[in-house]
């Protein structure tokens, strides 16, 4: 197994580890560790793709498991953020539903021997989602460590920044997620035609 695929497996392995630290109460610095794990796992996404292409080691396993690893990581983080009441459930559902829909489209295309490559919108969507989740995880760290009102009282800029910016980035991520999903279906609509 090549290095790129090992990094993909590592990212999948880190998902339950992330969940333990973010969800289990009482672990010292649990949310901080979870944030670090998320950042580490997210960084392996670009790294494994770069390694696979630069070494000419693109495999079927990587094509299937790499997007799955991304979806597992993002879904785990979004569900955790809903649990913390940091983001609304509808935003998480839109993002997760788009991932399922595009995965379904790719599966149908693959059954016909067509490979749907990641689009520019899809790549932008991934970056914005990751940035939004990291900002929101920082917000969780602030709340669980200091309490929100104390943070705002002690540092108005920090409190205002994390009260507004992560939410704005999340909504941008939702919009780009919808656009990228529509883009995939419009560009690959022939794949969905039953009778050809």
C-alpha atoms as a PDB file:
ATOM      1  CA  UNK A   1       0.000   0.000   0.000  1.00  0.00           C
ATOM      2  CA  UNK A   2       1.425   3.365  -1.011  1.00  0.00           C
ATOM      3  CA  UNK A   3       1.925   6.412   1.251  1.00  0.00           C
ATOM      4  CA  UNK A   4      -1.045   8.338  -0.151  1.00  0.00           C
ATOM      5  CA  UNK A   5      -3.432   5.492   0.686  1.00  0.00           C
ATOM      6  CA  UNK A   6      -1.901   5.158   4.155  1.00  0.00           C
ATOM      7  CA  UNK A   7      -2.637   8.839   4.769  1.00  0.00           C
ATOM      8  CA  UNK A   8      -6.234   8.291   3.635  1.00  0.00           C
ATOM      9  CA  UNK A   9      -6.579   5.381   6.085  1.00  0.00           C
ATOM     10  CA  UNK A  10      -5.034   7.557   8.808  1.00  0.00           C
ATOM     11  CA  UNK A  11      -7.685  10.221   8.135  1.00  0.00           C
ATOM     12  CA  UNK A  12     -10.457   7.627   8.497  1.00  0.00           C
ATOM     13  CA  UNK A  13      -8.863   6.312  11.715  1.00  0.00           C
ATOM     14  CA  UNK A  14      -8.703   9.858  13.128  1.00  0.00           C
ATOM     15  CA  UNK A  15     -12.481  10.358  12.768  1.00  0.00           C
ATOM     16  CA  UNK A  16     -13.481   8.202  15.799  1.00  0.00           C
ATOM     17  CA  UNK A  17     -10.519   9.603  17.751  1.00  0.00           C
ATOM     18  CA  UNK A  18     -11.785  13.119  17.004  1.00  0.00           C
ATOM     19  CA  UNK A  19     -15.272  12.096  18.142  1.00  0.00           C
ATOM     20  CA  UNK A  20     -14.010  10.726  21.450  1.00  0.00           C
ATOM     21  CA  UNK A  21     -12.213  13.951  22.330  1.00  0.00           C
ATOM     22  CA  UNK A  22     -15.006  16.258  21.161  1.00  0.00           C
ATOM     23  CA  UNK A  23     -17.915  14.280  22.632  1.00  0.00           C
ATOM     24  CA  UNK A  24     -16.705  12.728  25.883  1.00  0.00           C
ATOM     25  CA  UNK A  25     -17.010  15.249  28.671  1.00  0.00           C
ATOM     26  CA  UNK A  26     -14.339  15.402  31.341  1.00  0.00           C
ATOM     27  CA  UNK A  27     -11.316  14.727  29.145  1.00  0.00           C
ATOM     28  CA  UNK A  28      -8.781  17.445  29.999  1.00  0.00           C
ATOM     29  CA  UNK A  29      -8.421  19.786  27.009  1.00  0.00           C
ATOM     30  CA  UNK A  30     -10.662  17.427  25.026  1.00  0.00           C
ATOM     31  CA  UNK A  31     -12.006  20.056  22.620  1.00  0.00           C
ATOM     32  CA  UNK A  32      -8.508  21.450  22.038  1.00  0.00           C
ATOM     33  CA  UNK A  33      -7.197  17.970  21.225  1.00  0.00           C
ATOM     34  CA  UNK A  34     -10.205  17.345  18.969  1.00  0.00           C
ATOM     35  CA  UNK A  35      -9.494  20.601  17.117  1.00  0.00           C
ATOM     36  CA  UNK A  36      -5.853  19.635  16.631  1.00  0.00           C
ATOM     37  CA  UNK A  37      -6.906  16.188  15.375  1.00  0.00           C
ATOM     38  CA  UNK A  38      -9.365  17.750  12.923  1.00  0.00           C
ATOM     39  CA  UNK A  39      -6.701  20.129  11.573  1.00  0.00           C
ATOM     40  CA  UNK A  40      -4.213  17.243  11.240  1.00  0.00           C
ATOM     41  CA  UNK A  41      -6.773  15.027   9.484  1.00  0.00           C
ATOM     42  CA  UNK A  42      -7.908  17.828   7.162  1.00  0.00           C
ATOM     43  CA  UNK A  43      -4.305  18.603   6.218  1.00  0.00           C
ATOM     44  CA  UNK A  44      -3.742  15.001   5.104  1.00  0.00           C
ATOM     45  CA  UNK A  45      -6.481  15.455   2.472  1.00  0.00           C
ATOM     46  CA  UNK A  46      -4.406  17.724   0.243  1.00  0.00           C
ATOM     47  CA  UNK A  47      -1.204  15.898   1.116  1.00  0.00           C
ATOM     48  CA  UNK A  48      -2.361  12.424   0.079  1.00  0.00           C
ATOM     49  CA  UNK A  49      -3.720  13.726  -3.223  1.00  0.00           C
ATOM     50  CA  UNK A  50      -0.496  15.587  -3.965  1.00  0.00           C
ATOM     51  CA  UNK A  51       1.637  12.535  -3.123  1.00  0.00           C
ATOM     52  CA  UNK A  52      -0.507  10.211  -5.264  1.00  0.00           C
ATOM     53  CA  UNK A  53      -0.321  12.504  -8.301  1.00  0.00           C
ATOM     54  CA  UNK A  54       3.356  13.462  -7.946  1.00  0.00           C
ATOM     55  CA  UNK A  55       4.443   9.825  -7.608  1.00  0.00           C
ATOM     56  CA  UNK A  56       1.989   8.588 -10.231  1.00  0.00           C
ATOM     57  CA  UNK A  57       0.375   6.365  -7.590  1.00  0.00           C
ATOM     58  CA  UNK A  58      -3.304   7.185  -8.163  1.00  0.00           C
ATOM     59  CA  UNK A  59      -5.260   4.026  -7.320  1.00  0.00           C
ATOM     60  CA  UNK A  60      -8.883   2.885  -7.422  1.00  0.00           C
ATOM     61  CA  UNK A  61      -8.720   2.527  -3.639  1.00  0.00           C
ATOM     62  CA  UNK A  62      -7.631   6.156  -3.326  1.00  0.00           C
ATOM     63  CA  UNK A  63     -10.308   7.413  -5.726  1.00  0.00           C
ATOM     64  CA  UNK A  64     -13.008   5.745  -3.631  1.00  0.00           C
ATOM     65  CA  UNK A  65     -11.655   6.077  -0.094  1.00  0.00           C
ATOM     66  CA  UNK A  66     -10.255   9.627  -0.259  1.00  0.00           C
ATOM     67  CA  UNK A  67     -13.652  11.321  -0.818  1.00  0.00           C
ATOM     68  CA  UNK A  68     -15.217   8.937   1.717  1.00  0.00           C
ATOM     69  CA  UNK A  69     -12.614   9.921   4.314  1.00  0.00           C
ATOM     70  CA  UNK A  70     -13.380  13.611   3.676  1.00  0.00           C
ATOM     71  CA  UNK A  71     -17.099  13.058   4.060  1.00  0.00           C
ATOM     72  CA  UNK A  72     -16.671  11.079   7.292  1.00  0.00           C
ATOM     73  CA  UNK A  73     -14.479  13.790   8.794  1.00  0.00           C
ATOM     74  CA  UNK A  74     -16.757  16.678   7.810  1.00  0.00           C
ATOM     75  CA  UNK A  75     -19.911  14.806   8.866  1.00  0.00           C
ATOM     76  CA  UNK A  76     -18.430  13.911  12.269  1.00  0.00           C
ATOM     77  CA  UNK A  77     -17.457  17.532  12.873  1.00  0.00           C
ATOM     78  CA  UNK A  78     -20.808  18.955  11.743  1.00  0.00           C
ATOM     79  CA  UNK A  79     -22.846  16.552  13.875  1.00  0.00           C
ATOM     80  CA  UNK A  80     -20.620  17.395  16.875  1.00  0.00           C
ATOM     81  CA  UNK A  81     -21.133  21.120  16.289  1.00  0.00           C
ATOM     82  CA  UNK A  82     -24.917  20.614  16.144  1.00  0.00           C
ATOM     83  CA  UNK A  83     -24.655  18.696  19.441  1.00  0.00           C
ATOM     84  CA  UNK A  84     -22.826  21.686  20.968  1.00  0.00           C
ATOM     85  CA  UNK A  85     -25.612  23.920  19.589  1.00  0.00           C
ATOM     86  CA  UNK A  86     -22.997  25.942  17.717  1.00  0.00           C
ATOM     87  CA  UNK A  87     -24.592  25.482  14.290  1.00  0.00           C
ATOM     88  CA  UNK A  88     -28.195  24.916  13.218  1.00  0.00           C
ATOM     89  CA  UNK A  89     -29.145  21.372  12.257  1.00  0.00           C
ATOM     90  CA  UNK A  90     -30.472  22.464   8.850  1.00  0.00           C
ATOM     91  CA  UNK A  91     -27.022  23.729   7.803  1.00  0.00           C
ATOM     92  CA  UNK A  92     -25.448  20.385   8.674  1.00  0.00           C
ATOM     93  CA  UNK A  93     -28.217  18.513   6.852  1.00  0.00           C
ATOM     94  CA  UNK A  94     -27.740  20.556   3.655  1.00  0.00           C
ATOM     95  CA  UNK A  95     -23.999  19.917   3.620  1.00  0.00           C
ATOM     96  CA  UNK A  96     -24.313  16.210   4.454  1.00  0.00           C
ATOM     97  CA  UNK A  97     -27.184  15.671   1.987  1.00  0.00           C
ATOM     98  CA  UNK A  98     -25.135  17.233  -0.810  1.00  0.00           C
ATOM     99  CA  UNK A  99     -22.267  14.852  -0.012  1.00  0.00           C
ATOM    100  CA  UNK A 100     -24.598  11.844  -0.220  1.00  0.00           C
ATOM    101  CA  UNK A 101     -26.161  13.112  -3.449  1.00  0.00           C
ATOM    102  CA  UNK A 102     -22.833  13.678  -5.211  1.00  0.00           C
ATOM    103  CA  UNK A 103     -21.521  10.333  -3.931  1.00  0.00           C
ATOM    104  CA  UNK A 104     -24.605   8.696  -5.408  1.00  0.00           C
ATOM    105  CA  UNK A 105     -24.011  10.471  -8.717  1.00  0.00           C
ATOM    106  CA  UNK A 106     -20.408   9.294  -8.748  1.00  0.00           C
ATOM    107  CA  UNK A 107     -21.501   5.732  -8.002  1.00  0.00           C
ATOM    108  CA  UNK A 108     -23.971   5.755 -10.907  1.00  0.00           C
ATOM    109  CA  UNK A 109     -21.305   7.231 -13.192  1.00  0.00           C
ATOM    110  CA  UNK A 110     -18.723   4.662 -12.065  1.00  0.00           C
ATOM    111  CA  UNK A 111     -21.148   1.840 -12.868  1.00  0.00           C
ATOM    112  CA  UNK A 112     -21.114   3.135 -16.453  1.00  0.00           C
ATOM    113  CA  UNK A 113     -17.334   3.454 -16.526  1.00  0.00           C
ATOM    114  CA  UNK A 114     -17.355   7.237 -16.087  1.00  0.00           C
ATOM    115  CA  UNK A 115     -15.104   8.921 -13.545  1.00  0.00           C
ATOM    116  CA  UNK A 116     -16.391  12.255 -12.267  1.00  0.00           C
ATOM    117  CA  UNK A 117     -13.374  14.298 -11.253  1.00  0.00           C
ATOM    118  CA  UNK A 118     -13.529  16.906  -8.526  1.00  0.00           C
ATOM    119  CA  UNK A 119     -14.639  20.234  -9.971  1.00  0.00           C
ATOM    120  CA  UNK A 120     -13.325  23.683  -9.098  1.00  0.00           C
ATOM    121  CA  UNK A 121     -16.534  24.320  -7.140  1.00  0.00           C
ATOM    122  CA  UNK A 122     -16.085  21.022  -5.319  1.00  0.00           C
ATOM    123  CA  UNK A 123     -12.528  21.887  -4.294  1.00  0.00           C
ATOM    124  CA  UNK A 124     -13.588  25.368  -3.158  1.00  0.00           C
ATOM    125  CA  UNK A 125     -16.458  23.818  -1.203  1.00  0.00           C
ATOM    126  CA  UNK A 126     -14.062  21.533   0.666  1.00  0.00           C
ATOM    127  CA  UNK A 127     -11.704  24.385   1.593  1.00  0.00           C
ATOM    128  CA  UNK A 128     -14.525  26.659   2.823  1.00  0.00           C
ATOM    129  CA  UNK A 129     -16.128  23.833   4.815  1.00  0.00           C
ATOM    130  CA  UNK A 130     -12.813  23.012   6.506  1.00  0.00           C
ATOM    131  CA  UNK A 131     -12.144  26.691   7.335  1.00  0.00           C
ATOM    132  CA  UNK A 132     -15.677  27.083   8.721  1.00  0.00           C
ATOM    133  CA  UNK A 133     -15.383  23.962  10.869  1.00  0.00           C
ATOM    134  CA  UNK A 134     -11.978  24.988  12.252  1.00  0.00           C
ATOM    135  CA  UNK A 135     -13.310  28.451  13.187  1.00  0.00           C
ATOM    136  CA  UNK A 136     -16.363  26.866  14.800  1.00  0.00           C
ATOM    137  CA  UNK A 137     -14.169  24.419  16.734  1.00  0.00           C
ATOM    138  CA  UNK A 138     -12.152  27.377  18.036  1.00  0.00           C
ATOM    139  CA  UNK A 139     -15.452  28.873  19.180  1.00  0.00           C
ATOM    140  CA  UNK A 140     -16.248  25.627  21.022  1.00  0.00           C
ATOM    141  CA  UNK A 141     -12.838  25.832  22.717  1.00  0.00           C
ATOM    142  CA  UNK A 142     -13.502  29.392  23.869  1.00  0.00           C
ATOM    143  CA  UNK A 143     -16.937  28.513  25.226  1.00  0.00           C
ATOM    144  CA  UNK A 144     -15.853  25.327  27.007  1.00  0.00           C
ATOM    145  CA  UNK A 145     -12.755  26.963  28.495  1.00  0.00           C
ATOM    146  CA  UNK A 146     -13.866  30.455  29.426  1.00  0.00           C
ATOM    147  CA  UNK A 147     -17.594  30.721  28.949  1.00  0.00           C
ATOM    148  CA  UNK A 148     -18.970  33.006  26.292  1.00  0.00           C
ATOM    149  CA  UNK A 149     -19.991  36.031  28.369  1.00  0.00           C
ATOM    150  CA  UNK A 150     -16.632  36.118  30.158  1.00  0.00           C
ATOM    151  CA  UNK A 151     -14.776  36.001  26.842  1.00  0.00           C
ATOM    152  CA  UNK A 152     -16.764  38.900  25.439  1.00  0.00           C
ATOM    153  CA  UNK A 153     -16.265  40.852  28.651  1.00  0.00           C
ATOM    154  CA  UNK A 154     -12.521  40.247  28.743  1.00  0.00           C
ATOM    155  CA  UNK A 155     -11.788  40.662  25.054  1.00  0.00           C
ATOM    156  CA  UNK A 156     -14.427  42.406  22.957  1.00  0.00           C
ATOM    157  CA  UNK A 157     -12.627  41.795  19.649  1.00  0.00           C
ATOM    158  CA  UNK A 158     -12.178  38.058  20.290  1.00  0.00           C
ATOM    159  CA  UNK A 159     -15.763  37.645  21.419  1.00  0.00           C
ATOM    160  CA  UNK A 160     -17.192  39.633  18.513  1.00  0.00           C
ATOM    161  CA  UNK A 161     -14.949  37.897  15.975  1.00  0.00           C
ATOM    162  CA  UNK A 162     -15.929  34.385  17.066  1.00  0.00           C
ATOM    163  CA  UNK A 163     -19.557  35.375  17.485  1.00  0.00           C
ATOM    164  CA  UNK A 164     -19.848  36.592  13.879  1.00  0.00           C
ATOM    165  CA  UNK A 165     -17.105  35.319  11.554  1.00  0.00           C
ATOM    166  CA  UNK A 166     -17.483  31.515  11.969  1.00  0.00           C
ATOM    167  CA  UNK A 167     -21.230  31.786  11.336  1.00  0.00           C
ATOM    168  CA  UNK A 168     -20.699  33.895   8.207  1.00  0.00           C
ATOM    169  CA  UNK A 169     -18.116  31.425   6.877  1.00  0.00           C
ATOM    170  CA  UNK A 170     -20.518  28.548   7.644  1.00  0.00           C
ATOM    171  CA  UNK A 171     -23.293  30.174   5.607  1.00  0.00           C
ATOM    172  CA  UNK A 172     -20.866  30.833   2.755  1.00  0.00           C
ATOM    173  CA  UNK A 173     -19.935  27.132   2.956  1.00  0.00           C
ATOM    174  CA  UNK A 174     -23.618  26.146   2.758  1.00  0.00           C
ATOM    175  CA  UNK A 175     -24.154  28.323  -0.343  1.00  0.00           C
ATOM    176  CA  UNK A 176     -21.011  27.035  -2.081  1.00  0.00           C
ATOM    177  CA  UNK A 177     -21.957  23.473  -1.114  1.00  0.00           C
ATOM    178  CA  UNK A 178     -25.321  23.913  -2.852  1.00  0.00           C
ATOM    179  CA  UNK A 179     -23.727  25.537  -5.914  1.00  0.00           C
ATOM    180  CA  UNK A 180     -21.135  22.773  -6.226  1.00  0.00           C
ATOM    181  CA  UNK A 181     -23.810  20.093  -5.894  1.00  0.00           C
ATOM    182  CA  UNK A 182     -25.930  21.686  -8.606  1.00  0.00           C
ATOM    183  CA  UNK A 183     -22.817  22.100 -10.767  1.00  0.00           C
ATOM    184  CA  UNK A 184     -22.024  18.352 -10.525  1.00  0.00           C
ATOM    185  CA  UNK A 185     -25.557  17.347 -11.491  1.00  0.00           C
ATOM    186  CA  UNK A 186     -25.877  19.856 -14.344  1.00  0.00           C
ATOM    187  CA  UNK A 187     -22.523  18.869 -15.864  1.00  0.00           C
ATOM    188  CA  UNK A 188     -23.237  15.147 -15.493  1.00  0.00           C
ATOM    189  CA  UNK A 189     -26.978  15.033 -16.189  1.00  0.00           C
ATOM    190  CA  UNK A 190     -26.471  12.511 -19.021  1.00  0.00           C
ATOM    191  CA  UNK A 191     -25.316  10.003 -16.394  1.00  0.00           C
ATOM    192  CA  UNK A 192     -28.784  10.104 -14.813  1.00  0.00           C
ATOM    193  CA  UNK A 193     -30.721   9.390 -18.001  1.00  0.00           C
ATOM    194  CA  UNK A 194     -32.147   5.911 -17.522  1.00  0.00           C
ATOM    195  CA  UNK A 195     -32.980   5.034 -21.136  1.00  0.00           C
ATOM    196  CA  UNK A 196     -30.191   5.955 -23.517  1.00  0.00           C
END
